[in-house]
C-alpha atoms as a PDB file:
ATOM      1  CA  MET A   1     100.276  78.980  83.363  1.00  0.00           C
ATOM      2  CA  ILE A   2      96.382  77.783  82.326  1.00  0.00           C
ATOM      3  CA  ASP A   3      95.275  79.060  78.420  1.00  0.00           C
ATOM      4  CA  ARG A   4      92.450  82.344  78.420  1.00  0.00           C
ATOM      5  CA  LYS A   5      89.957  80.242  76.486  1.00  0.00           C
ATOM      6  CA  HIS A   6      89.765  78.668  80.067  1.00  0.00           C
ATOM      7  CA  HIS A   7      88.999  82.160  81.348  1.00  0.00           C
ATOM      8  CA  LYS A   8      85.121  80.501  82.574  1.00  0.00           C
ATOM      9  CA  ILE A   9      86.237  77.324  84.799  1.00  0.00           C
ATOM     10  CA  VAL A  10      88.998  79.209  86.353  1.00  0.00           C
ATOM     11  CA  PHE A  11      86.825  82.370  87.073  1.00  0.00           C
ATOM     12  CA  SER A  12      84.546  79.376  88.487  1.00  0.00           C
ATOM     13  CA  PHE A  13      86.857  78.374  90.111  1.00  0.00           C
ATOM     14  CA  PHE A  14      88.237  80.232  92.590  1.00  0.00           C
ATOM     15  CA  MET A  15      84.332  81.926  92.774  1.00  0.00           C
ATOM     16  CA  SER A  16      83.221  78.448  94.478  1.00  0.00           C
ATOM     17  CA  LEU A  17      86.265  77.403  96.550  1.00  0.00           C
ATOM     18  CA  LEU A  18      85.973  81.584  98.333  1.00  0.00           C
ATOM     19  CA  MET A  19      82.568  81.125  98.455  1.00  0.00           C
ATOM     20  CA  SER A  20      81.586  78.129 100.348  1.00  0.00           C
ATOM     21  CA  CYS A  21      84.909  78.581 101.908  1.00  0.00           C
ATOM     22  CA  ILE A  22      83.720  81.711 103.610  1.00  0.00           C
ATOM     23  CA  MET A  23      80.375  80.417 103.597  1.00  0.00           C
ATOM     24  CA  SER A  24      80.200  77.172 105.456  1.00  0.00           C
ATOM     25  CA  LEU A  25      82.420  78.978 108.424  1.00  0.00           C
ATOM     26  CA  VAL A  26      80.129  81.406 108.963  1.00  0.00           C
ATOM     27  CA  ILE A  27      77.710  78.481 108.569  1.00  0.00           C
ATOM     28  CA  SER A  28      79.630  76.114 110.844  1.00  0.00           C
ATOM     29  CA  ILE A  29      79.865  78.835 113.297  1.00  0.00           C
ATOM     30  CA  PHE A  30      76.414  79.740 113.486  1.00  0.00           C
ATOM     31  CA  ASN A  31      75.140  76.187 114.215  1.00  0.00           C
ATOM     32  CA  VAL A  32      77.517  75.049 116.550  1.00  0.00           C
ATOM     33  CA  GLY A  33      79.495  77.925 117.673  1.00  0.00           C
ATOM     34  CA  LEU A  34      82.731  78.245 118.450  1.00  0.00           C
ATOM     35  CA  VAL A  35      83.820  74.698 119.996  1.00  0.00           C
ATOM     36  CA  SER A  36      86.576  73.992 120.509  1.00  0.00           C
ATOM     37  CA  ASN A  37      86.940  71.041 117.355  1.00  0.00           C
ATOM     38  CA  ILE A  38      84.685  73.708 114.701  1.00  0.00           C
ATOM     39  CA  ILE A  39      88.423  73.954 112.420  1.00  0.00           C
ATOM     40  CA  PHE A  40      87.427  70.219 111.409  1.00  0.00           C
ATOM     41  CA  ILE A  41      83.833  70.659 111.476  1.00  0.00           C
ATOM     42  CA  TRP A  42      83.934  73.684 109.193  1.00  0.00           C
ATOM     43  CA  LEU A  43      86.648  71.466 106.564  1.00  0.00           C
ATOM     44  CA  LYS A  44      84.234  69.160 107.117  1.00  0.00           C
ATOM     45  CA  ALA A  45      81.935  71.496 105.680  1.00  0.00           C
ATOM     46  CA  TRP A  46      84.360  73.107 102.872  1.00  0.00           C
ATOM     47  CA  ALA A  47      84.974  70.544 101.386  1.00  0.00           C
ATOM     48  CA  PHE A  48      81.585  69.267 100.992  1.00  0.00           C
ATOM     49  CA  ALA A  49      80.307  72.611  99.882  1.00  0.00           C
ATOM     50  CA  PHE A  50      82.935  73.305  97.553  1.00  0.00           C
ATOM     51  CA  THR A  51      81.694  70.387  95.901  1.00  0.00           C
ATOM     52  CA  VAL A  52      78.600  71.020  95.570  1.00  0.00           C
ATOM     53  CA  ALA A  53      79.221  75.475  94.683  1.00  0.00           C
ATOM     54  CA  PHE A  54      81.934  74.453  91.326  1.00  0.00           C
ATOM     55  CA  SER A  55      79.177  71.813  90.058  1.00  0.00           C
ATOM     56  CA  THR A  56      76.471  74.592  90.606  1.00  0.00           C
ATOM     57  CA  ILE A  57      78.141  77.776  89.180  1.00  0.00           C
ATOM     58  CA  LEU A  58      78.761  75.852  86.302  1.00  0.00           C
ATOM     59  CA  LEU A  59      75.564  74.856  85.497  1.00  0.00           C
ATOM     60  CA  VAL A  60      74.063  78.232  85.993  1.00  0.00           C
ATOM     61  CA  SER A  61      76.620  81.205  85.016  1.00  0.00           C
ATOM     62  CA  PRO A  62      74.824  80.581  81.893  1.00  0.00           C
ATOM     63  CA  LEU A  63      71.678  81.150  83.230  1.00  0.00           C
ATOM     64  CA  VAL A  64      73.412  84.269  84.805  1.00  0.00           C
ATOM     65  CA  HIS A  65      74.994  86.194  81.402  1.00  0.00           C
ATOM     66  CA  LYS A  66      71.833  85.998  80.015  1.00  0.00           C
ATOM     67  CA  LEU A  67      69.319  87.586  83.024  1.00  0.00           C
ATOM     68  CA  VAL A  68      73.234  89.639  83.745  1.00  0.00           C
ATOM     69  CA  SER A  69      71.865  90.426  80.142  1.00  0.00           C
ATOM     70  CA  LEU A  70      68.628  91.012  80.648  1.00  0.00           C
ATOM     71  CA  VAL A  71      68.917  94.365  83.261  1.00  0.00           C
ATOM     72  CA  LEU A  72      71.475  95.664  82.215  1.00  0.00           C
ATOM     73  CA  LYS A  73      70.714  98.081  79.745  1.00  0.00           C
ATOM     74  CA  GLU A  74      73.308  98.254  76.203  1.00  0.00           C
ATOM     75  CA  ASP A  75      76.006 101.536  76.190  1.00  0.00           C
ATOM     76  CA  ASN A  76      75.956 103.005  72.966  1.00  0.00           C
ATOM     77  CA  ASN A  77      78.590 105.509  73.827  1.00  0.00           C
ATOM     78  CA  HIS A  78      80.674 102.983  72.370  1.00  0.00           C
ATOM     79  CA  ALA A  79      84.635 104.631  71.554  1.00  0.00           C
END
């Protein structure tokens, strides 16, 4: 198992893996339809999309965390 101190990287990996999988499939089908080689087209697109998505999530996640903190109000009812 991976140590919990790597939570952000592991989370980013799985989030980018799943999102790039879904989005590349949807966009591939949208662009070319359900053609006979859609699996090959999709897997090629997914490999590229995952590379971009993982790198992007690692780079922008600190900014996203700050933006989330700005839009959420503090919980004053700490137990």
